[in-house]
Amino acid sequence: MSVWQAPFFREYLALHPEEASTLGVREHASSLTDLSPQGIERLIAFFERALAELAAGRVSTGNEQERLDIRAVTSLASFALHELRDRCSYRTNLELSSFPHAILAHQSAHAGVLRAGKYEHI
């Protein structure tokens, strides 16, 4: 992983703990994405900063793989900003109501207690 990728993904996973948990990063297994006004501001600032750093050429574009990664992150950040800032889609996303169930399922899977009735460790 290059110099810019590790910090980007570390912060991305911290801001999107459900995705981190899905990827097996246990550090975030007990968290949910912060969709408070302050949390949305942090998400927007993160993606704006990522796009600004990529646009300013602060990252290496030394090889084809890294150029593909930069395009992927640019697309991800652009889409996220469109959804968060332009559409405010978090206000009408019914999928978010499933977060409590999702976090319980993730915690259960990571704790190894998916066997019936073994939820006392959560």
C-alpha atoms as a PDB file:
ATOM      1  CA  MET A   1       0.000   0.000   0.000  1.00  0.00           C
ATOM      2  CA  SER A   2       1.387   3.390  -0.932  1.00  0.00           C
ATOM      3  CA  VAL A   3       2.004   6.378   1.330  1.00  0.00           C
ATOM      4  CA  TRP A   4      -1.381   7.982   0.580  1.00  0.00           C
ATOM      5  CA  GLN A   5      -3.470   4.806   0.546  1.00  0.00           C
ATOM      6  CA  ALA A   6      -2.891   3.625   4.119  1.00  0.00           C
ATOM      7  CA  PRO A   7      -4.015   6.878   5.817  1.00  0.00           C
ATOM      8  CA  PHE A   8      -6.964   7.217   3.432  1.00  0.00           C
ATOM      9  CA  PHE A   9      -8.274   3.724   4.121  1.00  0.00           C
ATOM     10  CA  ARG A  10      -7.568   3.923   7.851  1.00  0.00           C
ATOM     11  CA  GLU A  11      -9.737   7.053   8.087  1.00  0.00           C
ATOM     12  CA  TYR A  12     -12.309   5.678   5.626  1.00  0.00           C
ATOM     13  CA  LEU A  13     -12.789   2.558   7.753  1.00  0.00           C
ATOM     14  CA  ALA A  14     -13.039   4.629  10.946  1.00  0.00           C
ATOM     15  CA  LEU A  15     -15.769   6.746   9.335  1.00  0.00           C
ATOM     16  CA  HIS A  16     -17.531   3.666   7.883  1.00  0.00           C
ATOM     17  CA  PRO A  17     -17.305   1.077  10.672  1.00  0.00           C
ATOM     18  CA  GLU A  18     -19.907  -1.248   9.141  1.00  0.00           C
ATOM     19  CA  GLU A  19     -17.725  -1.637   6.065  1.00  0.00           C
ATOM     20  CA  ALA A  20     -14.655  -2.115   8.256  1.00  0.00           C
ATOM     21  CA  SER A  21     -16.445  -4.843  10.169  1.00  0.00           C
ATOM     22  CA  THR A  22     -17.547  -6.503   6.944  1.00  0.00           C
ATOM     23  CA  LEU A  23     -13.891  -6.530   5.869  1.00  0.00           C
ATOM     24  CA  GLY A  24     -12.909  -8.161   9.152  1.00  0.00           C
ATOM     25  CA  VAL A  25     -11.405  -5.115  10.836  1.00  0.00           C
ATOM     26  CA  ARG A  26     -12.478  -5.845  14.409  1.00  0.00           C
ATOM     27  CA  GLU A  27     -11.338  -2.475  15.711  1.00  0.00           C
ATOM     28  CA  HIS A  28     -14.629  -0.968  14.491  1.00  0.00           C
ATOM     29  CA  ALA A  29     -16.954  -3.906  15.172  1.00  0.00           C
ATOM     30  CA  SER A  30     -18.907  -2.111  17.885  1.00  0.00           C
ATOM     31  CA  SER A  31     -19.473   1.158  16.024  1.00  0.00           C
ATOM     32  CA  LEU A  32     -21.928   2.606  13.553  1.00  0.00           C
ATOM     33  CA  THR A  33     -21.458   5.387  11.026  1.00  0.00           C
ATOM     34  CA  ASP A  34     -22.085   8.724  12.708  1.00  0.00           C
ATOM     35  CA  LEU A  35     -25.008  10.278  10.849  1.00  0.00           C
ATOM     36  CA  SER A  36     -25.416  13.201  13.220  1.00  0.00           C
ATOM     37  CA  PRO A  37     -24.963  16.638  11.644  1.00  0.00           C
ATOM     38  CA  GLN A  38     -21.372  16.662  12.947  1.00  0.00           C
ATOM     39  CA  GLY A  39     -20.765  13.153  11.582  1.00  0.00           C
ATOM     40  CA  ILE A  40     -22.047  14.164   8.151  1.00  0.00           C
ATOM     41  CA  GLU A  41     -19.754  17.203   8.255  1.00  0.00           C
ATOM     42  CA  ARG A  42     -16.794  14.909   9.043  1.00  0.00           C
ATOM     43  CA  LEU A  43     -17.693  12.592   6.154  1.00  0.00           C
ATOM     44  CA  ILE A  44     -17.994  15.499   3.731  1.00  0.00           C
ATOM     45  CA  ALA A  45     -14.710  17.014   4.943  1.00  0.00           C
ATOM     46  CA  PHE A  46     -12.949  13.662   4.574  1.00  0.00           C
ATOM     47  CA  PHE A  47     -14.068  13.177   0.969  1.00  0.00           C
ATOM     48  CA  GLU A  48     -13.406  16.832   0.052  1.00  0.00           C
ATOM     49  CA  ARG A  49      -9.897  16.539   1.494  1.00  0.00           C
ATOM     50  CA  ALA A  50      -9.266  13.290  -0.390  1.00  0.00           C
ATOM     51  CA  LEU A  51     -10.327  14.847  -3.692  1.00  0.00           C
ATOM     52  CA  ALA A  52      -8.260  17.978  -3.040  1.00  0.00           C
ATOM     53  CA  GLU A  53      -5.137  15.931  -2.282  1.00  0.00           C
ATOM     54  CA  LEU A  54      -5.599  13.805  -5.379  1.00  0.00           C
ATOM     55  CA  ALA A  55      -6.260  16.858  -7.561  1.00  0.00           C
ATOM     56  CA  ALA A  56      -3.242  18.695  -6.165  1.00  0.00           C
ATOM     57  CA  GLY A  57      -1.009  15.837  -7.235  1.00  0.00           C
ATOM     58  CA  ARG A  58       0.174  15.127  -3.699  1.00  0.00           C
ATOM     59  CA  VAL A  59       0.108  11.414  -4.418  1.00  0.00           C
ATOM     60  CA  SER A  60       2.423   9.391  -6.559  1.00  0.00           C
ATOM     61  CA  THR A  61       1.123   8.140  -9.880  1.00  0.00           C
ATOM     62  CA  GLY A  62       4.167   6.009 -10.498  1.00  0.00           C
ATOM     63  CA  ASN A  63       2.562   2.855 -11.830  1.00  0.00           C
ATOM     64  CA  GLU A  64      -0.605   1.641 -13.506  1.00  0.00           C
ATOM     65  CA  GLN A  65      -1.991   0.011 -10.345  1.00  0.00           C
ATOM     66  CA  GLU A  66      -1.676   3.240  -8.409  1.00  0.00           C
ATOM     67  CA  ARG A  67      -3.306   5.213 -11.231  1.00  0.00           C
ATOM     68  CA  LEU A  68      -6.237   2.762 -11.106  1.00  0.00           C
ATOM     69  CA  ASP A  69      -6.440   3.165  -7.328  1.00  0.00           C
ATOM     70  CA  ILE A  70      -6.471   6.949  -7.681  1.00  0.00           C
ATOM     71  CA  ARG A  71      -9.300   6.761 -10.220  1.00  0.00           C
ATOM     72  CA  ALA A  72     -11.255   4.423  -7.932  1.00  0.00           C
ATOM     73  CA  VAL A  73     -10.826   6.679  -4.890  1.00  0.00           C
ATOM     74  CA  THR A  74     -11.710   9.745  -6.966  1.00  0.00           C
ATOM     75  CA  SER A  75     -14.906   8.049  -8.129  1.00  0.00           C
ATOM     76  CA  LEU A  76     -15.762   6.884  -4.604  1.00  0.00           C
ATOM     77  CA  ALA A  77     -15.183  10.334  -3.099  1.00  0.00           C
ATOM     78  CA  SER A  78     -17.083  12.122  -5.877  1.00  0.00           C
ATOM     79  CA  PHE A  79     -20.065   9.800  -5.511  1.00  0.00           C
ATOM     80  CA  ALA A  80     -20.028  10.075  -1.712  1.00  0.00           C
ATOM     81  CA  LEU A  81     -19.982  13.872  -1.887  1.00  0.00           C
ATOM     82  CA  HIS A  82     -22.837  13.868  -4.367  1.00  0.00           C
ATOM     83  CA  GLU A  83     -24.903  11.652  -2.057  1.00  0.00           C
ATOM     84  CA  LEU A  84     -23.977  13.450   1.188  1.00  0.00           C
ATOM     85  CA  ARG A  85     -23.724  17.091   0.152  1.00  0.00           C
ATOM     86  CA  ASP A  86     -25.859  17.405  -2.969  1.00  0.00           C
ATOM     87  CA  ARG A  87     -28.636  14.880  -2.460  1.00  0.00           C
ATOM     88  CA  CYS A  88     -28.569  14.534   1.357  1.00  0.00           C
ATOM     89  CA  SER A  89     -29.599  10.935   0.703  1.00  0.00           C
ATOM     90  CA  TYR A  90     -28.901   9.938   4.317  1.00  0.00           C
ATOM     91  CA  ARG A  91     -32.149  11.717   5.222  1.00  0.00           C
ATOM     92  CA  THR A  92     -34.318   9.318   3.232  1.00  0.00           C
ATOM     93  CA  ASN A  93     -32.264   6.105   3.242  1.00  0.00           C
ATOM     94  CA  LEU A  94     -34.428   3.409   4.823  1.00  0.00           C
ATOM     95  CA  GLU A  95     -31.484   1.011   4.811  1.00  0.00           C
ATOM     96  CA  LEU A  96     -30.051   2.988   7.722  1.00  0.00           C
ATOM     97  CA  SER A  97     -32.881   1.713   9.917  1.00  0.00           C
ATOM     98  CA  SER A  98     -31.312  -1.745   9.665  1.00  0.00           C
ATOM     99  CA  PHE A  99     -28.074  -0.587  11.344  1.00  0.00           C
ATOM    100  CA  PRO A 100     -29.002  -1.883  14.817  1.00  0.00           C
ATOM    101  CA  HIS A 101     -29.583  -5.359  13.387  1.00  0.00           C
ATOM    102  CA  ALA A 102     -26.445  -5.121  11.257  1.00  0.00           C
ATOM    103  CA  ILE A 103     -24.243  -4.178  14.199  1.00  0.00           C
ATOM    104  CA  LEU A 104     -25.638  -7.041  16.268  1.00  0.00           C
ATOM    105  CA  ALA A 105     -24.968  -9.454  13.396  1.00  0.00           C
ATOM    106  CA  HIS A 106     -21.420  -8.141  12.955  1.00  0.00           C
ATOM    107  CA  GLN A 107     -20.671  -8.309  16.658  1.00  0.00           C
ATOM    108  CA  SER A 108     -22.053 -11.825  16.820  1.00  0.00           C
ATOM    109  CA  ALA A 109     -19.961 -12.965  13.882  1.00  0.00           C
ATOM    110  CA  HIS A 110     -16.794 -11.382  15.230  1.00  0.00           C
ATOM    111  CA  ALA A 111     -17.364 -12.693  18.720  1.00  0.00           C
ATOM    112  CA  GLY A 112     -17.909 -16.200  17.302  1.00  0.00           C
ATOM    113  CA  VAL A 113     -21.264 -16.561  19.026  1.00  0.00           C
ATOM    114  CA  LEU A 114     -23.657 -17.148  16.159  1.00  0.00           C
ATOM    115  CA  ARG A 115     -24.778 -20.369  17.805  1.00  0.00           C
ATOM    116  CA  ALA A 116     -28.337 -20.082  19.063  1.00  0.00           C
ATOM    117  CA  GLY A 117     -28.717 -18.266  22.358  1.00  0.00           C
ATOM    118  CA  LYS A 118     -25.054 -17.311  22.806  1.00  0.00           C
ATOM    119  CA  TYR A 119     -25.327 -13.536  22.820  1.00  0.00           C
ATOM    120  CA  GLU A 120     -24.176 -12.847  26.398  1.00  0.00           C
ATOM    121  CA  HIS A 121     -20.699 -11.760  25.225  1.00  0.00           C
ATOM    122  CA  ILE A 122     -22.012  -8.834  23.191  1.00  0.00           C
END
